[in-house]
Amino acid sequence: MKTVTMLPRSRPLTVADLAAVPDDGHRYELLDGSLVATPAPGHSHQRVKADR
């Protein structure tokens, strides 16, 4: 059974609300009280080109 975390919608979110979000591999941040999920960078973004 999967655990679901419900966040309040009647007020801006706080750092305590962010701490209650389960670690599901997504990157979350708060912007002006709104929860924003950003995807992790892909492999091509992380690859470094070596000078030749």
N, C-alpha and C. Protein backbone atom coordinates (compact mmCIF):
# COMPACT_ATOMS: atom_id res chain seq x y z
N MET A 1 0.84 -1.18 0.00
CA MET A 1 0.00 0.00 0.00
C MET A 1 0.89 1.24 0.00
N LYS A 2 0.57 2.20 -0.81
CA LYS A 2 1.34 3.42 -0.95
C LYS A 2 0.85 4.49 0.03
N THR A 3 1.80 5.22 0.63
CA THR A 3 1.45 6.30 1.53
C THR A 3 1.25 7.58 0.73
N VAL A 4 0.19 8.30 1.03
CA VAL A 4 -0.11 9.55 0.34
C VAL A 4 -0.02 10.68 1.35
N THR A 5 0.74 11.71 1.02
CA THR A 5 0.86 12.88 1.88
C THR A 5 0.00 13.98 1.30
N MET A 6 -0.95 14.47 2.09
CA MET A 6 -1.82 15.56 1.65
C MET A 6 -1.26 16.87 2.20
N LEU A 7 -1.06 17.82 1.31
CA LEU A 7 -0.57 19.14 1.72
C LEU A 7 -1.74 20.11 1.75
N PRO A 8 -1.71 21.08 2.66
CA PRO A 8 -2.82 22.03 2.76
C PRO A 8 -2.92 22.90 1.52
N ARG A 9 -4.14 23.23 1.13
CA ARG A 9 -4.36 24.11 -0.03
C ARG A 9 -4.88 25.47 0.40
N SER A 10 -5.22 25.60 1.68
CA SER A 10 -5.86 26.83 2.15
C SER A 10 -4.86 27.90 2.61
N ARG A 11 -3.57 27.56 2.55
CA ARG A 11 -2.56 28.53 3.00
C ARG A 11 -1.25 28.26 2.24
N PRO A 12 -0.35 29.23 2.24
CA PRO A 12 0.96 28.97 1.64
C PRO A 12 1.70 27.87 2.41
N LEU A 13 2.49 27.09 1.72
CA LEU A 13 3.22 26.00 2.36
C LEU A 13 4.44 26.55 3.09
N THR A 14 4.89 25.79 4.07
CA THR A 14 6.02 26.18 4.90
C THR A 14 7.14 25.14 4.77
N VAL A 15 8.27 25.43 5.39
CA VAL A 15 9.38 24.48 5.41
C VAL A 15 8.95 23.19 6.12
N ALA A 16 8.12 23.29 7.14
CA ALA A 16 7.62 22.09 7.83
C ALA A 16 6.79 21.23 6.87
N ASP A 17 6.00 21.85 6.00
CA ASP A 17 5.23 21.10 5.00
C ASP A 17 6.17 20.40 4.03
N LEU A 18 7.21 21.10 3.62
CA LEU A 18 8.18 20.53 2.70
C LEU A 18 8.87 19.33 3.33
N ALA A 19 9.18 19.41 4.62
CA ALA A 19 9.81 18.30 5.33
C ALA A 19 8.90 17.08 5.40
N ALA A 20 7.59 17.28 5.32
CA ALA A 20 6.63 16.17 5.40
C ALA A 20 6.48 15.44 4.08
N VAL A 21 7.01 15.99 2.99
CA VAL A 21 6.91 15.35 1.68
C VAL A 21 7.85 14.14 1.67
N PRO A 22 7.34 12.96 1.27
CA PRO A 22 8.19 11.76 1.29
C PRO A 22 9.32 11.86 0.26
N ASP A 23 10.42 11.19 0.55
CA ASP A 23 11.56 11.16 -0.37
C ASP A 23 11.24 10.16 -1.47
N ASP A 24 10.74 10.67 -2.59
CA ASP A 24 10.34 9.80 -3.69
C ASP A 24 11.25 9.95 -4.91
N GLY A 25 12.40 10.59 -4.72
CA GLY A 25 13.34 10.74 -5.81
C GLY A 25 13.18 12.02 -6.60
N HIS A 26 12.09 12.76 -6.38
CA HIS A 26 11.88 14.02 -7.07
C HIS A 26 12.55 15.14 -6.28
N ARG A 27 12.82 16.24 -6.97
CA ARG A 27 13.44 17.39 -6.32
C ARG A 27 12.36 18.44 -6.09
N TYR A 28 12.09 18.73 -4.83
CA TYR A 28 11.04 19.68 -4.46
C TYR A 28 11.67 20.93 -3.87
N GLU A 29 11.01 22.05 -4.10
CA GLU A 29 11.40 23.30 -3.46
C GLU A 29 10.16 24.16 -3.26
N LEU A 30 10.26 25.12 -2.38
CA LEU A 30 9.17 26.05 -2.13
C LEU A 30 9.49 27.38 -2.79
N LEU A 31 8.53 27.89 -3.54
CA LEU A 31 8.65 29.21 -4.14
C LEU A 31 7.42 30.00 -3.77
N ASP A 32 7.60 31.01 -2.94
CA ASP A 32 6.49 31.84 -2.48
C ASP A 32 5.33 31.02 -1.92
N GLY A 33 5.66 29.96 -1.16
CA GLY A 33 4.64 29.14 -0.53
C GLY A 33 4.03 28.08 -1.42
N SER A 34 4.53 27.93 -2.64
CA SER A 34 4.02 26.90 -3.55
C SER A 34 5.07 25.81 -3.73
N LEU A 35 4.62 24.56 -3.74
CA LEU A 35 5.52 23.43 -3.92
C LEU A 35 5.79 23.25 -5.41
N VAL A 36 7.06 23.19 -5.76
CA VAL A 36 7.47 23.03 -7.15
C VAL A 36 8.33 21.78 -7.24
N ALA A 37 8.02 20.90 -8.18
CA ALA A 37 8.82 19.70 -8.42
C ALA A 37 9.59 19.89 -9.71
N THR A 38 10.90 19.72 -9.63
CA THR A 38 11.74 19.84 -10.82
C THR A 38 12.39 18.50 -11.09
N PRO A 39 12.46 18.10 -12.34
CA PRO A 39 13.07 16.81 -12.65
C PRO A 39 14.59 16.88 -12.46
N ALA A 40 15.17 15.74 -12.15
CA ALA A 40 16.62 15.66 -12.04
C ALA A 40 17.21 15.85 -13.44
N PRO A 41 18.38 16.42 -13.53
CA PRO A 41 19.00 16.59 -14.85
C PRO A 41 19.28 15.24 -15.50
N GLY A 42 19.17 15.19 -16.81
CA GLY A 42 19.43 13.96 -17.54
C GLY A 42 20.92 13.71 -17.69
N HIS A 43 21.26 12.54 -18.22
CA HIS A 43 22.67 12.19 -18.37
C HIS A 43 23.40 13.14 -19.30
N SER A 44 22.75 13.58 -20.37
CA SER A 44 23.43 14.48 -21.31
C SER A 44 23.73 15.82 -20.64
N HIS A 45 22.90 16.23 -19.70
CA HIS A 45 23.14 17.49 -18.99
C HIS A 45 24.35 17.37 -18.05
N GLN A 46 24.55 16.19 -17.53
CA GLN A 46 25.63 15.98 -16.57
C GLN A 46 26.96 15.61 -17.22
N ARG A 47 26.92 15.24 -18.49
CA ARG A 47 28.14 14.81 -19.18
C ARG A 47 29.07 16.02 -19.38
N VAL A 48 30.34 15.80 -19.20
CA VAL A 48 31.34 16.85 -19.38
C VAL A 48 32.16 16.50 -20.61
N LYS A 49 32.29 17.49 -21.51
CA LYS A 49 33.12 17.25 -22.70
C LYS A 49 34.58 17.50 -22.34
N ALA A 50 35.42 16.59 -22.74
CA ALA A 50 36.85 16.74 -22.52
C ALA A 50 37.45 17.49 -23.71
N ASP A 51 38.33 18.45 -23.43
CA ASP A 51 39.01 19.15 -24.52
C ASP A 51 39.95 18.19 -25.23
N ARG A 52 39.97 18.30 -26.54
CA ARG A 52 40.84 17.42 -27.32
C ARG A 52 41.90 18.21 -28.02
